[in-house]
Amino acid sequence: MQHESEDDPYSLGLGTSAPEDLGEEVEKTNTKLENLKRQLDVIEKQKVRLDELQRRQDELDSGRAEMTDKLARALSVAEREYEEAQHRIEQLTSIRNSFTQHLRYIESINPKLWGADELPRELSTALGAIDDARADFNKARIKLDAHGSGIDLGAGAGGDEYGEAMGFADWVKNGFAFMLPLQITIVILFILWMMFRS
């Protein structure tokens, strides 16, 4: 009978193991299974962590490429604007110094202090200073208008200063404004003529 038991294909290789030995085998198998489950859980957690690291790495690469391009373009624009701003500051500093000097001299002019003998010479000097101030003022307005600074120094008391400082674009706009009523009248007459003709 023992020989037949050894040849039994359903013995699972346990041979003549006692029932208590079978219980130990089941326990060992369950232990191995639990170990495998724990290892699988560890591997799955590692996979999740690696997937998250990969996602963040891809996000880093994409963000670096995006911001490198944007910052390079923005830096180029900022540098150009900075250079223009520096030039404008230098220009405004020069204008301020010139205006300050002219203003101080003009405000210091006091004809009441001039004697009869020195009146012609002082008048010539003062009028020359006024002309120089007017010329510098008009030059400054033209420079600021040419660079599109948006700074309006204001029109002078007389019309000559403003006329000298006006650029071509100002003349075109003024000419269009002057001709606008005539243009409207011509359009109205043309419409009336078309209506009567039809």
Protein backbone atom coordinates (compact mmCIF):
# COMPACT_ATOMS: atom_id res chain seq x y z
CA MET A 1 0.00 0.00 0.00
CA GLN A 2 2.88 2.30 0.72
CA HIS A 3 4.21 1.77 -2.81
CA GLU A 4 0.89 2.75 -4.36
CA SER A 5 0.87 5.95 -2.29
CA GLU A 6 4.29 6.98 -3.66
CA ASP A 7 3.04 6.62 -7.28
CA ASP A 8 -0.15 8.61 -6.65
CA PRO A 9 -0.06 11.69 -8.97
CA TYR A 10 -2.26 13.61 -6.52
CA SER A 11 0.12 13.32 -3.63
CA LEU A 12 1.65 16.79 -4.49
CA GLY A 13 5.06 15.46 -3.64
CA LEU A 14 4.16 15.16 0.02
CA GLY A 15 4.75 11.45 0.16
CA THR A 16 3.68 9.98 3.41
CA SER A 17 3.56 13.33 5.16
CA ALA A 18 1.33 13.43 8.13
CA PRO A 19 -1.63 15.83 8.24
CA GLU A 20 0.27 18.11 10.58
CA ASP A 21 3.08 18.31 7.98
CA LEU A 22 0.53 19.38 5.37
CA GLY A 23 -0.59 22.17 7.64
CA GLU A 24 3.00 23.39 7.93
CA GLU A 25 3.33 23.37 4.14
CA VAL A 26 0.16 25.44 3.80
CA GLU A 27 1.43 27.88 6.40
CA LYS A 28 4.77 28.19 4.59
CA THR A 29 2.98 28.74 1.31
CA ASN A 30 0.78 31.42 2.88
CA THR A 31 3.88 33.07 4.35
CA LYS A 32 5.55 33.09 0.96
CA LEU A 33 2.40 34.52 -0.57
CA GLU A 34 2.28 37.30 2.02
CA ASN A 35 5.93 38.09 1.36
CA LEU A 36 5.26 38.23 -2.36
CA LYS A 37 2.28 40.54 -1.75
CA ARG A 38 4.43 42.85 0.37
CA GLN A 39 7.15 42.87 -2.32
CA LEU A 40 4.52 43.59 -4.96
CA ASP A 41 3.17 46.45 -2.84
CA VAL A 42 6.69 47.87 -2.47
CA ILE A 43 7.28 47.56 -6.21
CA GLU A 44 3.96 49.26 -7.00
CA LYS A 45 4.82 52.12 -4.63
CA GLN A 46 8.23 52.45 -6.28
CA LYS A 47 6.55 52.53 -9.68
CA VAL A 48 4.16 55.27 -8.54
CA ARG A 49 7.09 57.25 -7.14
CA LEU A 50 9.12 56.79 -10.34
CA ASP A 51 6.11 57.78 -12.48
CA GLU A 52 5.70 60.95 -10.38
CA LEU A 53 9.42 61.72 -10.70
CA GLN A 54 9.20 61.18 -14.45
CA ARG A 55 6.18 63.48 -14.68
CA ARG A 56 7.99 66.18 -12.70
CA GLN A 57 11.09 65.71 -14.85
CA ASP A 58 9.00 66.17 -18.00
CA GLU A 59 7.36 69.22 -16.41
CA LEU A 60 10.79 70.63 -15.61
CA ASP A 61 12.05 70.08 -19.16
CA SER A 62 8.92 71.64 -20.65
CA GLY A 63 9.01 74.58 -18.21
CA ARG A 64 12.70 75.21 -18.84
CA ALA A 65 12.18 75.24 -22.60
CA GLU A 66 9.14 77.54 -22.32
CA MET A 67 10.67 80.04 -19.91
CA THR A 68 14.07 80.02 -21.64
CA ASP A 69 12.38 81.11 -24.86
CA LYS A 70 10.08 83.65 -23.16
CA LEU A 71 12.81 85.14 -20.97
CA ALA A 72 15.26 85.40 -23.88
CA ARG A 73 12.69 87.28 -25.95
CA ALA A 74 11.60 89.46 -23.03
CA LEU A 75 15.22 90.21 -22.11
CA SER A 76 15.90 91.40 -25.64
CA VAL A 77 12.88 93.72 -25.48
CA ALA A 78 13.80 94.90 -21.97
CA GLU A 79 17.38 95.67 -23.02
CA ARG A 80 16.14 97.67 -26.00
CA GLU A 81 13.68 99.57 -23.81
CA TYR A 82 16.40 100.14 -21.21
CA GLU A 83 18.75 101.61 -23.81
CA GLU A 84 15.98 103.87 -25.11
CA ALA A 85 15.12 104.90 -21.55
CA GLN A 86 18.79 105.68 -20.85
CA HIS A 87 18.95 107.79 -23.99
CA ARG A 88 15.73 109.56 -22.99
CA ILE A 89 17.10 110.22 -19.50
CA GLU A 90 20.29 111.71 -20.96
CA GLN A 91 18.20 113.81 -23.34
CA LEU A 92 15.88 115.03 -20.58
CA THR A 93 18.84 115.76 -18.30
CA SER A 94 20.40 117.92 -21.00
CA ILE A 95 17.09 119.70 -21.61
CA ARG A 96 16.54 120.25 -17.89
CA ASN A 97 20.02 121.73 -17.42
CA SER A 98 19.57 123.99 -20.43
CA PHE A 99 16.12 125.18 -19.33
CA THR A 100 17.33 125.74 -15.76
CA GLN A 101 20.21 127.89 -16.96
CA HIS A 102 18.00 129.95 -19.29
CA LEU A 103 15.30 130.37 -16.65
CA ARG A 104 17.72 131.57 -14.00
CA TYR A 105 19.24 134.14 -16.33
CA ILE A 106 15.89 135.39 -17.66
CA GLU A 107 14.45 135.71 -14.15
CA SER A 108 17.52 137.68 -13.12
CA ILE A 109 16.94 140.30 -15.81
CA ASN A 110 15.89 143.56 -14.15
CA PRO A 111 15.77 146.58 -16.50
CA LYS A 112 15.16 148.86 -13.52
CA LEU A 113 18.78 148.36 -12.48
CA TRP A 114 20.20 149.43 -15.85
CA GLY A 115 21.58 152.88 -16.25
CA ALA A 116 20.94 155.05 -19.29
CA ASP A 117 24.44 154.44 -20.67
CA GLU A 118 24.30 150.66 -20.36
CA LEU A 119 20.67 150.29 -21.46
CA PRO A 120 21.38 149.59 -25.18
CA ARG A 121 24.03 146.97 -24.39
CA GLU A 122 21.96 145.28 -21.66
CA LEU A 123 18.89 145.22 -23.90
CA SER A 124 20.87 143.55 -26.68
CA THR A 125 22.27 140.99 -24.24
CA ALA A 126 18.86 140.27 -22.73
CA LEU A 127 17.14 139.95 -26.09
CA GLY A 128 19.93 137.64 -27.26
CA ALA A 129 19.37 135.49 -24.18
CA ILE A 130 15.63 135.37 -24.92
CA ASP A 131 16.35 134.30 -28.50
CA ASP A 132 18.76 131.61 -27.31
CA ALA A 133 16.20 130.32 -24.80
CA ARG A 134 13.48 130.27 -27.47
CA ALA A 135 15.75 128.40 -29.88
CA ASP A 136 16.71 125.80 -27.27
CA PHE A 137 13.08 125.42 -26.24
CA ASN A 138 11.97 124.75 -29.82
CA LYS A 139 14.87 122.35 -30.42
CA ALA A 140 13.91 120.42 -27.30
CA ARG A 141 10.29 120.13 -28.43
CA ILE A 142 11.35 118.89 -31.85
CA LYS A 143 13.68 116.28 -30.31
CA LEU A 144 11.01 115.00 -27.95
CA ASP A 145 8.40 114.87 -30.71
CA ALA A 146 10.81 113.04 -33.04
CA HIS A 147 11.45 110.32 -30.46
CA GLY A 148 7.77 109.93 -29.63
CA SER A 149 8.38 110.55 -25.94
CA GLY A 150 4.78 111.64 -25.36
CA ILE A 151 6.08 114.64 -23.40
CA ASP A 152 4.33 117.92 -24.23
CA LEU A 153 6.32 120.96 -23.21
CA GLY A 154 3.31 123.16 -23.93
CA ALA A 155 2.78 125.86 -26.52
CA GLY A 156 4.45 129.20 -26.10
CA ALA A 157 2.59 132.42 -25.40
CA GLY A 158 2.90 133.41 -29.04
CA GLY A 159 2.16 131.37 -32.11
CA ASP A 160 5.68 131.59 -33.61
CA GLU A 161 7.30 129.22 -31.15
CA TYR A 162 4.66 126.56 -31.69
CA GLY A 163 4.84 126.96 -35.46
CA GLU A 164 8.59 126.50 -35.45
CA ALA A 165 8.37 123.41 -33.26
CA MET A 166 5.64 121.70 -35.29
CA GLY A 167 6.66 118.64 -37.23
CA PHE A 168 5.36 117.42 -40.60
CA ALA A 169 2.77 115.15 -38.96
CA ASP A 170 1.37 118.13 -37.03
CA TRP A 171 1.02 120.14 -40.22
CA VAL A 172 -0.77 117.23 -41.95
CA LYS A 173 -3.23 116.82 -39.05
CA ASN A 174 -3.89 120.56 -38.91
CA GLY A 175 -4.36 120.74 -42.68
CA PHE A 176 -6.86 117.88 -42.57
CA ALA A 177 -8.77 119.62 -39.76
CA PHE A 178 -8.88 122.88 -41.72
CA MET A 179 -10.12 121.12 -44.86
CA LEU A 180 -12.69 118.91 -43.10
CA PRO A 181 -15.66 121.33 -43.38
CA LEU A 182 -14.99 121.82 -47.09
CA GLN A 183 -14.76 118.07 -47.61
CA ILE A 184 -18.06 117.50 -45.82
CA THR A 185 -19.73 120.19 -47.93
CA ILE A 186 -18.46 118.59 -51.15
CA VAL A 187 -19.75 115.16 -50.07
CA ILE A 188 -23.20 116.59 -49.24
CA LEU A 189 -23.39 118.40 -52.60
CA PHE A 190 -22.37 115.23 -54.41
CA ILE A 191 -25.10 113.22 -52.66
CA LEU A 192 -27.73 115.87 -53.48
CA TRP A 193 -26.61 115.94 -57.10
CA MET A 194 -26.90 112.13 -57.32
CA MET A 195 -30.40 112.28 -55.81
CA PHE A 196 -31.65 114.94 -58.25
CA ARG A 197 -30.06 113.16 -61.18
CA SER A 198 -31.84 109.90 -60.36
